[in-house]
C-alpha atoms as a PDB file:
ATOM      1  CA  UNK A   1    -189.915 -34.144 -12.092  1.00  0.00           C
ATOM      2  CA  UNK A   2    -192.882 -34.580  -9.683  1.00  0.00           C
ATOM      3  CA  UNK A   3    -194.136 -31.815  -7.999  1.00  0.00           C
ATOM      4  CA  UNK A   4    -195.342 -31.886  -4.458  1.00  0.00           C
ATOM      5  CA  UNK A   5    -198.771 -30.530  -2.791  1.00  0.00           C
ATOM      6  CA  UNK A   6    -197.405 -26.590  -3.284  1.00  0.00           C
ATOM      7  CA  UNK A   7    -195.249 -27.305  -6.438  1.00  0.00           C
ATOM      8  CA  UNK A   8    -191.819 -28.298  -4.765  1.00  0.00           C
ATOM      9  CA  UNK A   9    -189.601 -30.173  -6.767  1.00  0.00           C
ATOM     10  CA  UNK A  10    -189.324 -33.726  -5.743  1.00  0.00           C
ATOM     11  CA  UNK A  11    -187.574 -36.821  -6.760  1.00  0.00           C
ATOM     12  CA  UNK A  12    -188.741 -39.214  -9.160  1.00  0.00           C
ATOM     13  CA  UNK A  13    -187.885 -42.562  -8.015  1.00  0.00           C
ATOM     14  CA  UNK A  14    -189.371 -43.718  -4.859  1.00  0.00           C
ATOM     15  CA  UNK A  15    -186.377 -44.176  -2.434  1.00  0.00           C
ATOM     16  CA  UNK A  16    -185.272 -40.881  -3.175  1.00  0.00           C
ATOM     17  CA  UNK A  17    -188.797 -39.314  -2.514  1.00  0.00           C
ATOM     18  CA  UNK A  18    -188.836 -41.045   0.799  1.00  0.00           C
ATOM     19  CA  UNK A  19    -185.300 -39.636   1.763  1.00  0.00           C
ATOM     20  CA  UNK A  20    -186.353 -36.339   0.718  1.00  0.00           C
ATOM     21  CA  UNK A  21    -189.770 -36.320   2.751  1.00  0.00           C
ATOM     22  CA  UNK A  22    -187.698 -37.806   5.652  1.00  0.00           C
ATOM     23  CA  UNK A  23    -185.184 -34.977   5.448  1.00  0.00           C
ATOM     24  CA  UNK A  24    -187.731 -32.485   5.432  1.00  0.00           C
ATOM     25  CA  UNK A  25    -189.823 -33.567   8.317  1.00  0.00           C
ATOM     26  CA  UNK A  26    -186.854 -34.112  10.676  1.00  0.00           C
ATOM     27  CA  UNK A  27    -185.918 -30.547   9.642  1.00  0.00           C
ATOM     28  CA  UNK A  28    -182.392 -31.479   8.221  1.00  0.00           C
ATOM     29  CA  UNK A  29    -183.755 -29.453   5.171  1.00  0.00           C
ATOM     30  CA  UNK A  30    -185.991 -26.855   4.364  1.00  0.00           C
ATOM     31  CA  UNK A  31    -188.472 -26.843   1.853  1.00  0.00           C
ATOM     32  CA  UNK A  32    -189.212 -23.753   0.196  1.00  0.00           C
ATOM     33  CA  UNK A  33    -191.869 -23.775  -2.629  1.00  0.00           C
ATOM     34  CA  UNK A  34    -190.583 -22.173  -5.547  1.00  0.00           C
ATOM     35  CA  UNK A  35    -188.787 -19.102  -4.151  1.00  0.00           C
ATOM     36  CA  UNK A  36    -191.737 -17.157  -3.953  1.00  0.00           C
ATOM     37  CA  UNK A  37    -191.237 -15.758  -0.742  1.00  0.00           C
ATOM     38  CA  UNK A  38    -187.983 -14.498  -1.272  1.00  0.00           C
ATOM     39  CA  UNK A  39    -188.968 -13.165  -4.721  1.00  0.00           C
ATOM     40  CA  UNK A  40    -191.695 -10.949  -3.041  1.00  0.00           C
ATOM     41  CA  UNK A  41    -189.083  -9.762  -0.556  1.00  0.00           C
ATOM     42  CA  UNK A  42    -187.388  -8.395  -3.522  1.00  0.00           C
ATOM     43  CA  UNK A  43    -190.035  -7.229  -4.904  1.00  0.00           C
ATOM     44  CA  UNK A  44    -190.693  -5.107  -1.672  1.00  0.00           C
ATOM     45  CA  UNK A  45    -186.971  -3.862  -1.349  1.00  0.00           C
ATOM     46  CA  UNK A  46    -187.274  -2.666  -5.421  1.00  0.00           C
ATOM     47  CA  UNK A  47    -190.283  -0.621  -4.935  1.00  0.00           C
ATOM     48  CA  UNK A  48    -189.004   1.379  -2.210  1.00  0.00           C
ATOM     49  CA  UNK A  49    -185.550   1.804  -3.772  1.00  0.00           C
ATOM     50  CA  UNK A  50    -187.248   2.999  -7.058  1.00  0.00           C
ATOM     51  CA  UNK A  51    -189.306   5.501  -4.823  1.00  0.00           C
ATOM     52  CA  UNK A  52    -186.268   7.151  -2.960  1.00  0.00           C
ATOM     53  CA  UNK A  53    -184.361   7.542  -6.811  1.00  0.00           C
ATOM     54  CA  UNK A  54    -187.410   9.438  -8.044  1.00  0.00           C
ATOM     55  CA  UNK A  55    -187.618  13.040  -7.912  1.00  0.00           C
ATOM     56  CA  UNK A  56    -190.379  14.959  -6.514  1.00  0.00           C
ATOM     57  CA  UNK A  57    -191.287  16.106  -9.845  1.00  0.00           C
ATOM     58  CA  UNK A  58    -191.494  12.613 -11.714  1.00  0.00           C
ATOM     59  CA  UNK A  59    -193.879  10.874  -8.327  1.00  0.00           C
ATOM     60  CA  UNK A  60    -196.397  13.779  -8.831  1.00  0.00           C
ATOM     61  CA  UNK A  61    -196.325  13.055 -12.560  1.00  0.00           C
ATOM     62  CA  UNK A  62    -196.620   9.517 -12.081  1.00  0.00           C
ATOM     63  CA  UNK A  63    -199.777   9.972  -9.155  1.00  0.00           C
ATOM     64  CA  UNK A  64    -201.602  12.532 -11.529  1.00  0.00           C
ATOM     65  CA  UNK A  65    -201.641  10.072 -14.281  1.00  0.00           C
ATOM     66  CA  UNK A  66    -202.903   7.163 -12.104  1.00  0.00           C
ATOM     67  CA  UNK A  67    -205.559   9.442 -11.025  1.00  0.00           C
ATOM     68  CA  UNK A  68    -206.461  10.163 -14.427  1.00  0.00           C
ATOM     69  CA  UNK A  69    -206.737   6.440 -15.284  1.00  0.00           C
ATOM     70  CA  UNK A  70    -208.686   5.980 -11.869  1.00  0.00           C
ATOM     71  CA  UNK A  71    -211.025   8.396 -12.444  1.00  0.00           C
ATOM     72  CA  UNK A  72    -211.827   7.997 -16.642  1.00  0.00           C
ATOM     73  CA  UNK A  73    -213.365   4.945 -16.251  1.00  0.00           C
END
């Protein structure tokens, strides 16, 4: 299947592609490139949920490990 300029899926036949482009231009459908934005939103939500679930001792251990890795270079 051919892809648009930002990797969007487009119909392979000429008529189907023309109809799809017309629908995008008139606002009948909204084209989103590969759902990357929704994936990003899920990651933002998941990080906060994980932080809420961790105990303070575990957070401290993770922070110490990260600081050690940063300063060991």
